C-alpha atoms as a PDB file:
ATOM      1  CA  ILE A   1     113.128 111.417  81.138  1.00  0.00           C
ATOM      2  CA  LYS A   2     114.405 114.477  82.996  1.00  0.00           C
ATOM      3  CA  LEU A   3     111.958 117.329  83.358  1.00  0.00           C
ATOM      4  CA  SER A   4     112.300 120.626  85.174  1.00  0.00           C
ATOM      5  CA  HIS A   5     110.630 123.980  85.688  1.00  0.00           C
ATOM      6  CA  CYS A   6     107.249 122.963  84.301  1.00  0.00           C
ATOM      7  CA  PHE A   7     105.128 121.986  87.262  1.00  0.00           C
ATOM      8  CA  ASN A   8     103.223 125.064  88.286  1.00  0.00           C
ATOM      9  CA  LEU A   9     100.129 124.517  86.141  1.00  0.00           C
ATOM     10  CA  SER A  10      97.626 121.751  86.804  1.00  0.00           C
ATOM     11  CA  SER A  11      97.201 121.145  83.079  1.00  0.00           C
ATOM     12  CA  THR A  12     100.945 120.521  82.751  1.00  0.00           C
ATOM     13  CA  LEU A  13     100.911 118.136  85.688  1.00  0.00           C
ATOM     14  CA  PHE A  14      97.994 116.093  84.437  1.00  0.00           C
ATOM     15  CA  GLY A  15      99.487 116.089  80.927  1.00  0.00           C
ATOM     16  CA  LEU A  16     102.682 114.668  82.427  1.00  0.00           C
ATOM     17  CA  CYS A  17     100.684 111.976  84.215  1.00  0.00           C
ATOM     18  CA  GLN A  18      98.987 110.972  80.963  1.00  0.00           C
ATOM     19  CA  ALA A  19     102.287 110.907  79.068  1.00  0.00           C
ATOM     20  CA  VAL A  20     104.015 108.807  81.735  1.00  0.00           C
ATOM     21  CA  GLY A  21     101.153 106.329  81.654  1.00  0.00           C
ATOM     22  CA  GLN A  22     101.449 105.975  77.870  1.00  0.00           C
ATOM     23  CA  ILE A  23     105.231 105.520  77.614  1.00  0.00           C
ATOM     24  CA  GLU A  24     105.549 101.764  77.899  1.00  0.00           C
ATOM     25  CA  ASN A  25     109.335 101.529  78.169  1.00  0.00           C
ATOM     26  CA  LEU A  26     109.987 104.367  80.639  1.00  0.00           C
ATOM     27  CA  VAL A  27     112.615 103.340  83.204  1.00  0.00           C
ATOM     28  CA  ASP A  28     113.835 106.583  84.819  1.00  0.00           C
ATOM     29  CA  LEU A  29     111.881 109.736  85.602  1.00  0.00           C
ATOM     30  CA  ASP A  30     113.644 112.751  87.106  1.00  0.00           C
ATOM     31  CA  ILE A  31     111.338 115.542  88.179  1.00  0.00           C
ATOM     32  CA  MET A  32     113.474 116.885  90.996  1.00  0.00           C
ATOM     33  CA  ASP A  33     114.203 120.548  90.485  1.00  0.00           C
ATOM     34  CA  ASN A  34     113.972 123.857  92.332  1.00  0.00           C
ATOM     35  CA  THR A  35     110.228 123.903  91.847  1.00  0.00           C
ATOM     36  CA  CYS A  36     108.014 121.117  93.057  1.00  0.00           C
ATOM     37  CA  ILE A  37     104.664 119.587  92.393  1.00  0.00           C
ATOM     38  CA  ASP A  38     102.407 121.876  94.396  1.00  0.00           C
ATOM     39  CA  ASP A  39      99.093 120.535  93.151  1.00  0.00           C
ATOM     40  CA  LYS A  40      97.896 117.873  95.599  1.00  0.00           C
ATOM     41  CA  ALA A  41      95.610 116.131  93.129  1.00  0.00           C
ATOM     42  CA  ALA A  42      98.385 115.967  90.525  1.00  0.00           C
ATOM     43  CA  THR A  43     100.841 114.511  93.052  1.00  0.00           C
ATOM     44  CA  ILE A  44      98.362 111.790  93.892  1.00  0.00           C
ATOM     45  CA  GLU A  45      97.634 111.151  90.208  1.00  0.00           C
ATOM     46  CA  LEU A  46     101.351 110.910  89.381  1.00  0.00           C
ATOM     47  CA  LEU A  47     102.035 108.430  92.190  1.00  0.00           C
ATOM     48  CA  THR A  48      98.987 106.398  91.130  1.00  0.00           C
ATOM     49  CA  VAL A  49     100.186 106.284  87.503  1.00  0.00           C
ATOM     50  CA  LEU A  50     103.709 105.322  88.592  1.00  0.00           C
ATOM     51  CA  ARG A  51     102.390 102.526  90.830  1.00  0.00           C
ATOM     52  CA  LYS A  52     100.617 100.992  87.811  1.00  0.00           C
ATOM     53  CA  HIS A  53     103.577 101.467  85.451  1.00  0.00           C
ATOM     54  CA  LYS A  54     105.257  98.190  84.497  1.00  0.00           C
ATOM     55  CA  THR A  55     108.787  99.359  83.601  1.00  0.00           C
ATOM     56  CA  ILE A  56     109.531 102.355  85.841  1.00  0.00           C
ATOM     57  CA  LYS A  57     112.527 101.672  88.098  1.00  0.00           C
ATOM     58  CA  ASN A  58     113.830 105.027  89.386  1.00  0.00           C
ATOM     59  CA  VAL A  59     111.967 108.223  90.164  1.00  0.00           C
ATOM     60  CA  ARG A  60     113.501 111.397  91.551  1.00  0.00           C
ATOM     61  CA  LEU A  61     110.614 113.362  93.033  1.00  0.00           C
ATOM     62  CA  HIS A  62     110.074 116.709  94.789  1.00  0.00           C
ATOM     63  CA  VAL A  63     106.824 116.958  96.768  1.00  0.00           C
ATOM     64  CA  PHE A  64     105.326 119.863  98.686  1.00  0.00           C
ATOM     65  CA  ASN A  65     102.923 120.398 101.571  1.00  0.00           C
ATOM     66  CA  ILE A  66     102.750 116.880 102.937  1.00  0.00           C
ATOM     67  CA  GLN A  67     100.646 117.004 106.108  1.00  0.00           C
ATOM     68  CA  PRO A  68      99.850 114.236 108.608  1.00  0.00           C
ATOM     69  CA  SER A  69      96.959 112.081 107.444  1.00  0.00           C
ATOM     70  CA  ASN A  70      96.226 114.078 104.292  1.00  0.00           C
ATOM     71  CA  GLU A  71      95.698 112.291 101.002  1.00  0.00           C
ATOM     72  CA  ASN A  72      99.163 113.259  99.719  1.00  0.00           C
ATOM     73  CA  GLU A  73     100.830 111.716 102.748  1.00  0.00           C
ATOM     74  CA  THR A  74      98.719 108.571 102.540  1.00  0.00           C
ATOM     75  CA  CYS A  75      99.548 108.090  98.852  1.00  0.00           C
ATOM     76  CA  LEU A  76     103.274 108.747  99.427  1.00  0.00           C
ATOM     77  CA  ILE A  77     103.380 106.320 102.368  1.00  0.00           C
ATOM     78  CA  THR A  78     101.662 103.639 100.279  1.00  0.00           C
ATOM     79  CA  SER A  79     104.219 104.077  97.491  1.00  0.00           C
ATOM     80  CA  LEU A  80     107.149 103.970  99.921  1.00  0.00           C
ATOM     81  CA  LEU A  81     105.858 100.835 101.655  1.00  0.00           C
ATOM     82  CA  GLN A  82     104.688  98.859  98.627  1.00  0.00           C
ATOM     83  CA  ASP A  83     106.786 100.022  95.674  1.00  0.00           C
ATOM     84  CA  SER A  84     110.479 100.437  94.914  1.00  0.00           C
ATOM     85  CA  PHE A  85     110.528 103.181  92.298  1.00  0.00           C
ATOM     86  CA  ILE A  86     111.224 106.269  94.474  1.00  0.00           C
ATOM     87  CA  SER A  87     115.009 106.509  94.653  1.00  0.00           C
ATOM     88  CA  HIS A  88     115.394 110.220  95.489  1.00  0.00           C
ATOM     89  CA  LEU A  89     112.832 112.208  97.436  1.00  0.00           C
ATOM     90  CA  ARG A  90     112.804 115.895  98.339  1.00  0.00           C
ATOM     91  CA  ILE A  91     110.065 117.041 100.715  1.00  0.00           C
ATOM     92  CA  SER A  92     109.379 120.781 101.111  1.00  0.00           C
ATOM     93  CA  ASP A  93     107.127 122.854 103.352  1.00  0.00           C
ATOM     94  CA  SER A  94     105.700 119.825 105.115  1.00  0.00           C
ATOM     95  CA  ILE A  95     104.957 118.391 108.528  1.00  0.00           C
ATOM     96  CA  ILE A  96     106.555 114.972 108.803  1.00  0.00           C
ATOM     97  CA  SER A  97     104.494 112.443 110.770  1.00  0.00           C
ATOM     98  CA  PRO A  98     105.830 109.368 112.586  1.00  0.00           C
ATOM     99  CA  GLU A  99     104.021 107.215 109.988  1.00  0.00           C
ATOM    100  CA  LEU A 100     105.868 108.916 107.145  1.00  0.00           C
ATOM    101  CA  ILE A 101     109.170 108.476 109.013  1.00  0.00           C
ATOM    102  CA  GLU A 102     108.432 104.741 109.314  1.00  0.00           C
ATOM    103  CA  ALA A 103     107.658 104.515 105.593  1.00  0.00           C
ATOM    104  CA  LEU A 104     110.880 106.364 104.713  1.00  0.00           C
ATOM    105  CA  ILE A 105     112.891 104.001 106.909  1.00  0.00           C
ATOM    106  CA  HIS A 106     111.163 101.008 105.326  1.00  0.00           C
ATOM    107  CA  ALA A 107     111.894 102.232 101.784  1.00  0.00           C
ATOM    108  CA  SER A 108     115.525 102.792 102.696  1.00  0.00           C
ATOM    109  CA  GLU A 109     116.349  99.807 104.895  1.00  0.00           C
ATOM    110  CA  HIS A 110     113.984  97.068 103.747  1.00  0.00           C
ATOM    111  CA  ARG A 111     113.222  97.821 100.110  1.00  0.00           C
ATOM    112  CA  HIS A 112     116.691  99.355  99.482  1.00  0.00           C
ATOM    113  CA  SER A 113     115.091 101.731  97.008  1.00  0.00           C
ATOM    114  CA  LEU A 114     115.222 105.157  98.666  1.00  0.00           C
ATOM    115  CA  THR A 115     118.852 106.261  98.466  1.00  0.00           C
ATOM    116  CA  CYS A 116     118.575 110.049  98.818  1.00  0.00           C
ATOM    117  CA  LEU A 117     116.244 112.018 101.081  1.00  0.00           C
ATOM    118  CA  GLU A 118     116.098 115.811 101.528  1.00  0.00           C
ATOM    119  CA  PHE A 119     113.883 117.988 103.718  1.00  0.00           C
ATOM    120  CA  TYR A 120     113.402 121.727 103.195  1.00  0.00           C
ATOM    121  CA  ASN A 121     111.326 124.013 105.413  1.00  0.00           C
ATOM    122  CA  SER A 122     109.719 120.984 107.025  1.00  0.00           C
ATOM    123  CA  GLN A 123     108.871 120.138 110.616  1.00  0.00           C
ATOM    124  CA  LEU A 124     109.975 116.950 112.327  1.00  0.00           C
ATOM    125  CA  ASN A 125     109.358 115.827 115.882  1.00  0.00           C
ATOM    126  CA  CYS A 126     112.672 115.747 117.784  1.00  0.00           C
ATOM    127  CA  ASP A 127     112.073 112.122 118.831  1.00  0.00           C
ATOM    128  CA  ASN A 128     111.746 111.106 115.180  1.00  0.00           C
ATOM    129  CA  ILE A 129     114.933 112.871 114.065  1.00  0.00           C
ATOM    130  CA  SER A 130     117.149 110.380 115.909  1.00  0.00           C
ATOM    131  CA  ARG A 131     115.629 107.504 113.942  1.00  0.00           C
END
């Protein structure tokens, strides 16, 4: 499924989460577009649904406002460390913590799942950039 330009309303986001959870043979989900999921609760719900999904293999995801130690970051780190479905990740307007950097490296080097990573309007510590 490829979806775009529909993620600004919470009702749309939670409807998407419900639909994804009900589609039993979903393999690919592309929700990377110029807009992003800007509802923190919906981002967490989507990642939770995807973690439980039995057939999902590739997700292209655009997330927004990831902050150190917030619930969005914690949920994203858990998915990157324990699951292999995020293949493309765009992070916007965020502060990137060392823990998130470690999870991104793990998803790329150890799980071989994360193949494309983009940052927009995000802050990284200079020491972490070299990694």
